Structures are given as C-alpha cells and as structure tokens.
Amino acid sequence: MDRPTTATTETTGPPVTAPGRVRRTGPGLDVPDARGRTGLDLTGLDLTGNPDVVVRDVELLASGWHVLRRTTFDYRHRDGRWTREQRETYDRGDGATILLHDAARRTVLLTRQFRFPAYVNGHPDGLLVEAAAGLLDADDPESAIRREAAEELGVTVGRLQHVFDVWMSPGSVTEKLHFYAAPYSPLDRTGAGGGLAEEGEDIEVLELDVEEALRLTTTGGIADAKTIILLQWAVLHGPFAPRGGATP
C-alpha cells in the first residue's frame, strides 16, 4: 500500500476562510537558495480544482538540488467528514523518456548506468538498464527528450511519437514523466553518447534484441519501471505489435 510520508487525521469542521498565513524566512523562501530560487513554500496554495481539498499551509523542509515540502490541507471524505491531513512531497521537476526502436532489425537502444538509490536499496551493483531519460529543466518535453537521446545515446531523433504521460510514484513524488518512442537506424547514431562527463555521467549504450530485452524484464536484468512500461507498450501496441495491432 502506498502510504503518505506523513499524515494527521484530526477531525475538523467544514473549512472556513483561514487567517492570514505567516510567511517564513530563510533560503528558498524570501531569499534565494543555492540554486537562486525563492517562494518555494507557495506551491499548492492556489489550488482550486478539487472542492474537497483546501490547502492550509506549505512548509519548506529542504531545497538541495530538488525540493521537499510538507503541506497541510483539509480533506472532505466521501461520507462528508472533514479531516486535516499532512503530506510530504518531493519535487524534482517533470521528465521525459524515450524508447528508440528499429522495427526491421527488431532492436531497441537502451542505456546502462549506475544508480546509487537502487544500489543502496538492494540492487546488487546499482547498474540499471534503462530507456534514455532526463528532467525537462527549462525545455518542453519534446526538446528535452531529443537532448537526452543525443547526450545519452548519440542519436539524432527524427519523428517522435508521444505515447502517454505517467505519474511514476504519486504517493510522494510530484514528477510526471512524458513517454516517447521513435524509430532509429545505424545512420541516426551520429555521436558516441555516454552522457555528460561534467555532470558525472558514465553511460553505456546497449543495443538489444527486443525479445531479449523483454526476457530481461522477467529475470531482473531490466528492473526499471519506465523501461518495462515502454517495452510492454512496444510489443502490445507499438512497433513490435502483431500486424494490425500497432497504434497509428
């Protein structure tokens, strides 16, 4: 069960207009943090899309590379009860990922790189086989994934297919991941790939038969969620689907 990071269930009555919110002071709030950001405790205060949720307060817990917040809100349950809840959210920005495929040769182009969070949580060596991916930063999703494909795989991407958008860990992480696919051929591999050395990236490019890649998802050889999702999409609805089964 995906439980919230923190929660309180103090019963309250229906929300009324809250008193003026006291602004806190410090880096990331009223003065820039190490990345030059301010106002990081304002995110979510203006949400009005769900009348059963009234945001009361947002606390900034940490602002290193990404941002950790604790939000207090009133929530109306289906039986009409109001409770006061707290949730911690980790905001690393949105991202994009891509499956590069060669339908004629039945291959996919993937990466292998060291992931410390997986290593510290039980992965034998922390080296994960993945579809190319990265944060959007200031780019739109299509521009971002073209950038990542060039940096990580050395491929200049042509026609892009948007597959879907997915929240990968909605219980605590705000990130929405934009999924793409695109054909490639050996001629499209215009660079060495490998990532950006100045950012500490050391990425191995792997070209795998799609059947072998699928087999690896059942043995733990591929244990990355976005990659498993893209491979399953590719054989069910995408470029490797049975004739007549591919999406347009």
C-alpha atoms as a PDB file:
ATOM      1  CA  MET A   1       0.000   0.000   0.000  1.00  0.00           C
ATOM      2  CA  ASP A   2       1.366   3.398  -0.981  1.00  0.00           C
ATOM      3  CA  ARG A   3       1.047   5.356   2.246  1.00  0.00           C
ATOM      4  CA  PRO A   4       1.701   9.089   2.607  1.00  0.00           C
ATOM      5  CA  THR A   5       5.004  10.152   4.078  1.00  0.00           C
ATOM      6  CA  THR A   6       3.251  11.925   6.945  1.00  0.00           C
ATOM      7  CA  ALA A   7      -0.396  12.231   7.835  1.00  0.00           C
ATOM      8  CA  THR A   8      -2.612  13.502  10.618  1.00  0.00           C
ATOM      9  CA  THR A   9      -6.329  12.837  10.850  1.00  0.00           C
ATOM     10  CA  GLU A  10      -7.515  15.492  13.261  1.00  0.00           C
ATOM     11  CA  THR A  11     -11.250  15.878  12.573  1.00  0.00           C
ATOM     12  CA  THR A  12     -12.290  19.379  11.606  1.00  0.00           C
ATOM     13  CA  GLY A  13     -15.482  21.044  10.537  1.00  0.00           C
ATOM     14  CA  PRO A  14     -16.051  22.345   7.025  1.00  0.00           C
ATOM     15  CA  PRO A  15     -13.259  24.745   6.026  1.00  0.00           C
ATOM     16  CA  VAL A  16     -13.745  28.425   6.689  1.00  0.00           C
ATOM     17  CA  THR A  17     -11.610  31.286   5.494  1.00  0.00           C
ATOM     18  CA  ALA A  18      -8.202  30.796   7.050  1.00  0.00           C
ATOM     19  CA  PRO A  19      -6.459  33.650   8.889  1.00  0.00           C
ATOM     20  CA  GLY A  20      -3.567  35.330   7.150  1.00  0.00           C
ATOM     21  CA  ARG A  21      -0.754  32.865   6.587  1.00  0.00           C
ATOM     22  CA  VAL A  22       2.511  33.705   8.323  1.00  0.00           C
ATOM     23  CA  ARG A  23       5.377  33.727   5.838  1.00  0.00           C
ATOM     24  CA  ARG A  24       8.558  32.036   6.962  1.00  0.00           C
ATOM     25  CA  THR A  25      12.025  33.348   6.299  1.00  0.00           C
ATOM     26  CA  GLY A  26      15.162  31.684   5.001  1.00  0.00           C
ATOM     27  CA  PRO A  27      16.838  30.301   1.862  1.00  0.00           C
ATOM     28  CA  GLY A  28      14.337  29.294  -0.787  1.00  0.00           C
ATOM     29  CA  LEU A  29      11.626  31.358   0.916  1.00  0.00           C
ATOM     30  CA  ASP A  30      12.249  35.106   0.974  1.00  0.00           C
ATOM     31  CA  VAL A  31      15.927  34.871  -0.006  1.00  0.00           C
ATOM     32  CA  PRO A  32      17.466  32.789  -2.801  1.00  0.00           C
ATOM     33  CA  ASP A  33      18.640  29.271  -2.034  1.00  0.00           C
ATOM     34  CA  ALA A  34      21.797  27.736  -3.540  1.00  0.00           C
ATOM     35  CA  ARG A  35      20.059  27.491  -6.932  1.00  0.00           C
ATOM     36  CA  GLY A  36      18.671  31.028  -6.796  1.00  0.00           C
ATOM     37  CA  ARG A  37      15.074  30.034  -6.016  1.00  0.00           C
ATOM     38  CA  THR A  38      12.595  31.862  -3.781  1.00  0.00           C
ATOM     39  CA  GLY A  39       8.938  31.333  -2.904  1.00  0.00           C
ATOM     40  CA  LEU A  40       9.311  27.565  -2.655  1.00  0.00           C
ATOM     41  CA  ASP A  41       6.687  27.468   0.108  1.00  0.00           C
ATOM     42  CA  LEU A  42       3.956  28.874  -2.156  1.00  0.00           C
ATOM     43  CA  THR A  43       3.425  25.826  -4.371  1.00  0.00           C
ATOM     44  CA  GLY A  44      -0.081  24.426  -3.953  1.00  0.00           C
ATOM     45  CA  LEU A  45      -1.609  27.345  -2.058  1.00  0.00           C
ATOM     46  CA  ASP A  46      -3.602  28.430  -5.108  1.00  0.00           C
ATOM     47  CA  LEU A  47      -5.084  25.010  -5.980  1.00  0.00           C
ATOM     48  CA  THR A  48      -8.863  25.126  -6.515  1.00  0.00           C
ATOM     49  CA  GLY A  49      -9.585  22.224  -8.867  1.00  0.00           C
ATOM     50  CA  ASN A  50     -10.874  19.881  -6.165  1.00  0.00           C
ATOM     51  CA  PRO A  51     -13.530  21.392  -3.827  1.00  0.00           C
ATOM     52  CA  ASP A  52     -12.863  18.583  -1.339  1.00  0.00           C
ATOM     53  CA  VAL A  53      -9.295  19.778  -0.756  1.00  0.00           C
ATOM     54  CA  VAL A  54      -8.409  23.085   0.904  1.00  0.00           C
ATOM     55  CA  VAL A  55      -4.673  23.752   1.243  1.00  0.00           C
ATOM     56  CA  ARG A  56      -3.830  25.459   4.555  1.00  0.00           C
ATOM     57  CA  ASP A  57      -0.058  25.629   4.772  1.00  0.00           C
ATOM     58  CA  VAL A  58       3.125  24.691   2.923  1.00  0.00           C
ATOM     59  CA  GLU A  59       6.431  24.227   4.751  1.00  0.00           C
ATOM     60  CA  LEU A  60       9.781  24.010   3.003  1.00  0.00           C
ATOM     61  CA  LEU A  61      11.722  21.124   4.565  1.00  0.00           C
ATOM     62  CA  ALA A  62      14.716  21.033   2.211  1.00  0.00           C
ATOM     63  CA  SER A  63      15.896  22.654  -1.007  1.00  0.00           C
ATOM     64  CA  GLY A  64      19.049  20.992  -2.182  1.00  0.00           C
ATOM     65  CA  TRP A  65      19.046  20.025  -5.840  1.00  0.00           C
ATOM     66  CA  HIS A  66      15.324  19.218  -5.552  1.00  0.00           C
ATOM     67  CA  VAL A  67      12.639  20.393  -3.131  1.00  0.00           C
ATOM     68  CA  LEU A  68      10.978  18.657  -0.167  1.00  0.00           C
ATOM     69  CA  ARG A  69       7.751  20.207   1.168  1.00  0.00           C
ATOM     70  CA  ARG A  70       5.208  19.381   3.877  1.00  0.00           C
ATOM     71  CA  THR A  71       1.691  20.527   3.004  1.00  0.00           C
ATOM     72  CA  THR A  72      -1.236  20.749   5.420  1.00  0.00           C
ATOM     73  CA  PHE A  73      -4.715  20.589   3.929  1.00  0.00           C
ATOM     74  CA  ASP A  74      -8.335  19.897   4.865  1.00  0.00           C
ATOM     75  CA  TYR A  75      -9.870  16.926   3.083  1.00  0.00           C
ATOM     76  CA  ARG A  76     -13.556  16.024   2.752  1.00  0.00           C
ATOM     77  CA  HIS A  77     -14.142  12.271   2.677  1.00  0.00           C
ATOM     78  CA  ARG A  78     -16.895  10.574   0.712  1.00  0.00           C
ATOM     79  CA  ASP A  79     -19.020  10.334   3.870  1.00  0.00           C
ATOM     80  CA  GLY A  80     -18.832  14.110   4.339  1.00  0.00           C
ATOM     81  CA  ARG A  81     -16.275  14.139   7.176  1.00  0.00           C
ATOM     82  CA  TRP A  82     -13.526  16.741   7.067  1.00  0.00           C
ATOM     83  CA  THR A  83     -10.075  15.803   8.337  1.00  0.00           C
ATOM     84  CA  ARG A  84      -6.830  17.727   8.474  1.00  0.00           C
ATOM     85  CA  GLU A  85      -4.046  15.922   6.618  1.00  0.00           C
ATOM     86  CA  GLN A  86      -0.334  16.395   6.012  1.00  0.00           C
ATOM     87  CA  ARG A  87       1.700  15.101   3.094  1.00  0.00           C
ATOM     88  CA  GLU A  88       5.371  15.382   2.265  1.00  0.00           C
ATOM     89  CA  THR A  89       6.105  15.798  -1.436  1.00  0.00           C
ATOM     90  CA  TYR A  90       9.429  15.521  -3.209  1.00  0.00           C
ATOM     91  CA  ASP A  91       9.589  17.836  -6.227  1.00  0.00           C
ATOM     92  CA  ARG A  92      12.328  17.011  -8.734  1.00  0.00           C
ATOM     93  CA  GLY A  93      10.570  18.533 -11.738  1.00  0.00           C
ATOM     94  CA  ASP A  94       8.976  16.649 -14.614  1.00  0.00           C
ATOM     95  CA  GLY A  95      10.885  14.404 -17.003  1.00  0.00           C
ATOM     96  CA  ALA A  96      10.777  12.612 -20.330  1.00  0.00           C
ATOM     97  CA  THR A  97      11.850   9.182 -21.534  1.00  0.00           C
ATOM     98  CA  ILE A  98      12.118   7.524 -24.942  1.00  0.00           C
ATOM     99  CA  LEU A  99      12.274   4.056 -26.464  1.00  0.00           C
ATOM    100  CA  LEU A 100      14.316   4.070 -29.654  1.00  0.00           C
ATOM    101  CA  HIS A 101      13.378   1.123 -31.862  1.00  0.00           C
ATOM    102  CA  ASP A 102      14.420  -0.427 -35.151  1.00  0.00           C
ATOM    103  CA  ALA A 103      11.428  -2.496 -36.290  1.00  0.00           C
ATOM    104  CA  ALA A 104      13.264  -4.022 -39.255  1.00  0.00           C
ATOM    105  CA  ARG A 105      16.086  -5.401 -37.123  1.00  0.00           C
ATOM    106  CA  ARG A 106      13.817  -5.838 -34.047  1.00  0.00           C
ATOM    107  CA  THR A 107      16.203  -3.964 -31.775  1.00  0.00           C
ATOM    108  CA  VAL A 108      15.904  -1.288 -29.105  1.00  0.00           C
ATOM    109  CA  LEU A 109      18.544   1.158 -27.914  1.00  0.00           C
ATOM    110  CA  LEU A 110      18.941   1.395 -24.143  1.00  0.00           C
ATOM    111  CA  THR A 111      21.446   2.617 -21.562  1.00  0.00           C
ATOM    112  CA  ARG A 112      23.244   1.132 -18.585  1.00  0.00           C
ATOM    113  CA  GLN A 113      24.348   3.400 -15.763  1.00  0.00           C
ATOM    114  CA  PHE A 114      24.998   3.413 -12.026  1.00  0.00           C
ATOM    115  CA  ARG A 115      22.055   4.418  -9.829  1.00  0.00           C
ATOM    116  CA  PHE A 116      23.008   4.876  -6.175  1.00  0.00           C
ATOM    117  CA  PRO A 117      19.411   4.895  -4.837  1.00  0.00           C
ATOM    118  CA  ALA A 118      18.880   1.431  -6.341  1.00  0.00           C
ATOM    119  CA  TYR A 119      22.282   0.259  -5.071  1.00  0.00           C
ATOM    120  CA  VAL A 120      21.626   1.379  -1.501  1.00  0.00           C
ATOM    121  CA  ASN A 121      18.198  -0.293  -1.599  1.00  0.00           C
ATOM    122  CA  GLY A 122      19.316  -3.780  -2.515  1.00  0.00           C
ATOM    123  CA  HIS A 123      20.313  -3.810  -6.189  1.00  0.00           C
ATOM    124  CA  PRO A 124      23.449  -5.973  -6.461  1.00  0.00           C
ATOM    125  CA  ASP A 125      25.674  -3.423  -8.216  1.00  0.00           C
ATOM    126  CA  GLY A 126      23.457  -0.410  -8.908  1.00  0.00           C
ATOM    127  CA  LEU A 127      23.911  -0.715 -12.687  1.00  0.00           C
ATOM    128  CA  LEU A 128      20.459  -0.376 -14.255  1.00  0.00           C
ATOM    129  CA  VAL A 129      19.457  -0.951 -17.858  1.00  0.00           C
ATOM    130  CA  GLU A 130      17.091   1.855 -18.832  1.00  0.00           C
ATOM    131  CA  ALA A 131      15.465   3.762 -21.638  1.00  0.00           C
ATOM    132  CA  ALA A 132      17.100   7.146 -22.123  1.00  0.00           C
ATOM    133  CA  ALA A 133      15.511   9.784 -19.907  1.00  0.00           C
ATOM    134  CA  GLY A 134      16.081  13.088 -18.192  1.00  0.00           C
ATOM    135  CA  LEU A 135      14.497  16.047 -16.477  1.00  0.00           C
ATOM    136  CA  LEU A 136      12.850  18.718 -18.597  1.00  0.00           C
ATOM    137  CA  ASP A 137      14.674  21.553 -16.870  1.00  0.00           C
ATOM    138  CA  ALA A 138      13.592  24.645 -18.843  1.00  0.00           C
ATOM    139  CA  ASP A 139      12.719  22.738 -22.016  1.00  0.00           C
ATOM    140  CA  ASP A 140       9.411  21.430 -23.351  1.00  0.00           C
ATOM    141  CA  PRO A 141       9.131  17.594 -23.264  1.00  0.00           C
ATOM    142  CA  GLU A 142       9.954  17.036 -26.952  1.00  0.00           C
ATOM    143  CA  SER A 143      13.027  19.253 -26.872  1.00  0.00           C
ATOM    144  CA  ALA A 144      14.167  17.647 -23.621  1.00  0.00           C
ATOM    145  CA  ILE A 145      13.951  14.086 -24.910  1.00  0.00           C
ATOM    146  CA  ARG A 146      15.754  14.972 -28.144  1.00  0.00           C
ATOM    147  CA  ARG A 147      18.518  16.447 -25.996  1.00  0.00           C
ATOM    148  CA  GLU A 148      18.699  13.361 -23.785  1.00  0.00           C
ATOM    149  CA  ALA A 149      18.742  10.957 -26.745  1.00  0.00           C
ATOM    150  CA  ALA A 150      21.683  12.865 -28.241  1.00  0.00           C
ATOM    151  CA  GLU A 151      23.581  13.089 -24.939  1.00  0.00           C
ATOM    152  CA  GLU A 152      22.985   9.553 -23.666  1.00  0.00           C
ATOM    153  CA  LEU A 153      22.662   7.503 -26.860  1.00  0.00           C
ATOM    154  CA  GLY A 154      24.360   9.626 -29.509  1.00  0.00           C
ATOM    155  CA  VAL A 155      21.209   9.541 -31.661  1.00  0.00           C
ATOM    156  CA  THR A 156      19.702  12.438 -33.583  1.00  0.00           C
ATOM    157  CA  VAL A 157      15.978  11.739 -33.258  1.00  0.00           C
ATOM    158  CA  GLY A 158      13.667  12.399 -36.183  1.00  0.00           C
ATOM    159  CA  ARG A 159       9.923  11.707 -35.964  1.00  0.00           C
ATOM    160  CA  LEU A 160       8.708  11.444 -32.375  1.00  0.00           C
ATOM    161  CA  GLN A 161       5.653   9.555 -31.140  1.00  0.00           C
ATOM    162  CA  HIS A 162       4.109  10.694 -27.876  1.00  0.00           C
ATOM    163  CA  VAL A 163       2.953   7.559 -26.050  1.00  0.00           C
ATOM    164  CA  PHE A 164       1.462   8.795 -22.749  1.00  0.00           C
ATOM    165  CA  ASP A 165       2.217  10.746 -19.562  1.00  0.00           C
ATOM    166  CA  VAL A 166       2.542   8.915 -16.248  1.00  0.00           C
ATOM    167  CA  TRP A 167       2.969   9.831 -12.576  1.00  0.00           C
ATOM    168  CA  MET A 168       5.570   7.269 -11.540  1.00  0.00           C
ATOM    169  CA  SER A 169       5.327   7.498  -7.730  1.00  0.00           C
ATOM    170  CA  PRO A 170       2.278   9.652  -6.909  1.00  0.00           C
ATOM    171  CA  GLY A 171       2.264   8.863  -3.193  1.00  0.00           C
ATOM    172  CA  SER A 172       5.203  11.171  -2.524  1.00  0.00           C
ATOM    173  CA  VAL A 173       6.946  12.328  -5.741  1.00  0.00           C
ATOM    174  CA  THR A 174       5.381  15.056  -7.884  1.00  0.00           C
ATOM    175  CA  GLU A 175       7.178  14.110 -11.112  1.00  0.00           C
ATOM    176  CA  LYS A 176       5.134  13.483 -14.256  1.00  0.00           C
ATOM    177  CA  LEU A 177       7.053  11.520 -16.879  1.00  0.00           C
ATOM    178  CA  HIS A 178       6.388  12.091 -20.599  1.00  0.00           C
ATOM    179  CA  PHE A 179       6.832   8.871 -22.593  1.00  0.00           C
ATOM    180  CA  TYR A 180       8.009   8.900 -26.208  1.00  0.00           C
ATOM    181  CA  ALA A 181       9.091   6.445 -28.879  1.00  0.00           C
ATOM    182  CA  ALA A 182      10.960   6.960 -32.128  1.00  0.00           C
ATOM    183  CA  PRO A 183      12.500   4.843 -34.867  1.00  0.00           C
ATOM    184  CA  TYR A 184      16.236   4.813 -35.334  1.00  0.00           C
ATOM    185  CA  SER A 185      18.735   3.247 -37.717  1.00  0.00           C
ATOM    186  CA  PRO A 186      22.516   2.897 -37.558  1.00  0.00           C
ATOM    187  CA  LEU A 187      22.763   6.087 -39.641  1.00  0.00           C
ATOM    188  CA  ASP A 188      20.981   8.042 -36.883  1.00  0.00           C
ATOM    189  CA  ARG A 189      23.750   7.266 -34.399  1.00  0.00           C
ATOM    190  CA  THR A 190      25.640  10.480 -35.039  1.00  0.00           C
ATOM    191  CA  GLY A 191      27.546  10.609 -31.747  1.00  0.00           C
ATOM    192  CA  ALA A 192      29.123   8.369 -29.130  1.00  0.00           C
ATOM    193  CA  GLY A 193      26.542   9.052 -26.427  1.00  0.00           C
ATOM    194  CA  GLY A 194      27.595   8.249 -22.878  1.00  0.00           C
ATOM    195  CA  GLY A 195      26.129  11.318 -21.188  1.00  0.00           C
ATOM    196  CA  LEU A 196      27.817  14.486 -19.979  1.00  0.00           C
ATOM    197  CA  ALA A 197      31.129  13.876 -18.221  1.00  0.00           C
ATOM    198  CA  GLU A 198      30.917  17.279 -16.496  1.00  0.00           C
ATOM    199  CA  GLU A 199      27.718  16.063 -14.785  1.00  0.00           C
ATOM    200  CA  GLY A 200      29.356  12.834 -13.666  1.00  0.00           C
ATOM    201  CA  GLU A 201      27.511  10.685 -16.212  1.00  0.00           C
ATOM    202  CA  ASP A 202      29.154   7.454 -17.364  1.00  0.00           C
ATOM    203  CA  ILE A 203      26.528   5.796 -19.575  1.00  0.00           C
ATOM    204  CA  GLU A 204      26.966   2.638 -21.621  1.00  0.00           C
ATOM    205  CA  VAL A 205      24.869   2.350 -24.797  1.00  0.00           C
ATOM    206  CA  LEU A 206      23.213  -1.045 -25.306  1.00  0.00           C
ATOM    207  CA  GLU A 207      21.534  -2.293 -28.458  1.00  0.00           C
ATOM    208  CA  LEU A 208      19.341  -5.276 -27.590  1.00  0.00           C
ATOM    209  CA  ASP A 209      17.039  -7.571 -29.478  1.00  0.00           C
ATOM    210  CA  VAL A 210      13.537  -6.694 -28.278  1.00  0.00           C
ATOM    211  CA  GLU A 211      12.823 -10.296 -27.294  1.00  0.00           C
ATOM    212  CA  GLU A 212      15.977 -10.380 -25.201  1.00  0.00           C
ATOM    213  CA  ALA A 213      15.010  -7.082 -23.582  1.00  0.00           C
ATOM    214  CA  LEU A 214      11.585  -8.497 -22.718  1.00  0.00           C
ATOM    215  CA  ARG A 215      13.187 -11.613 -21.256  1.00  0.00           C
ATOM    216  CA  LEU A 216      15.368  -9.443 -19.040  1.00  0.00           C
ATOM    217  CA  THR A 217      12.260  -7.806 -17.549  1.00  0.00           C
ATOM    218  CA  THR A 218      11.265 -11.227 -16.164  1.00  0.00           C
ATOM    219  CA  THR A 219      14.678 -12.084 -14.700  1.00  0.00           C
ATOM    220  CA  GLY A 220      15.582  -8.778 -13.041  1.00  0.00           C
ATOM    221  CA  GLY A 221      18.060  -7.841 -15.736  1.00  0.00           C
ATOM    222  CA  ILE A 222      15.805  -4.890 -16.523  1.00  0.00           C
ATOM    223  CA  ALA A 223      14.231  -3.619 -13.309  1.00  0.00           C
ATOM    224  CA  ASP A 224      13.486  -0.011 -14.206  1.00  0.00           C
ATOM    225  CA  ALA A 225       9.785   0.889 -14.310  1.00  0.00           C
ATOM    226  CA  LYS A 226       9.796   3.311 -17.244  1.00  0.00           C
ATOM    227  CA  THR A 227      11.745   0.854 -19.383  1.00  0.00           C
ATOM    228  CA  ILE A 228       9.445  -2.065 -18.594  1.00  0.00           C
ATOM    229  CA  ILE A 229       6.416   0.093 -19.396  1.00  0.00           C
ATOM    230  CA  LEU A 230       7.856   1.174 -22.748  1.00  0.00           C
ATOM    231  CA  LEU A 231       8.885  -2.343 -23.751  1.00  0.00           C
ATOM    232  CA  GLN A 232       5.447  -3.736 -22.938  1.00  0.00           C
ATOM    233  CA  TRP A 233       3.796  -0.912 -24.866  1.00  0.00           C
ATOM    234  CA  ALA A 234       6.085  -1.588 -27.835  1.00  0.00           C
ATOM    235  CA  VAL A 235       5.074  -5.250 -28.154  1.00  0.00           C
ATOM    236  CA  LEU A 236       1.397  -4.758 -27.312  1.00  0.00           C
ATOM    237  CA  HIS A 237       0.549  -1.591 -29.211  1.00  0.00           C
ATOM    238  CA  GLY A 238       3.701  -0.157 -30.740  1.00  0.00           C
ATOM    239  CA  PRO A 239       6.304  -1.003 -33.358  1.00  0.00           C
ATOM    240  CA  PHE A 240       6.660  -4.682 -32.386  1.00  0.00           C
ATOM    241  CA  ALA A 241       2.937  -5.418 -32.031  1.00  0.00           C
ATOM    242  CA  PRO A 242       1.439  -8.108 -34.272  1.00  0.00           C
ATOM    243  CA  ARG A 243       0.437  -6.797 -37.679  1.00  0.00           C
ATOM    244  CA  GLY A 244      -2.685  -4.673 -37.345  1.00  0.00           C
ATOM    245  CA  GLY A 245      -2.148  -4.208 -33.609  1.00  0.00           C
ATOM    246  CA  ALA A 246       0.164  -1.207 -33.690  1.00  0.00           C
ATOM    247  CA  THR A 247      -1.153   2.189 -32.796  1.00  0.00           C
ATOM    248  CA  PRO A 248      -1.163   4.736 -35.620  1.00  0.00           C
END
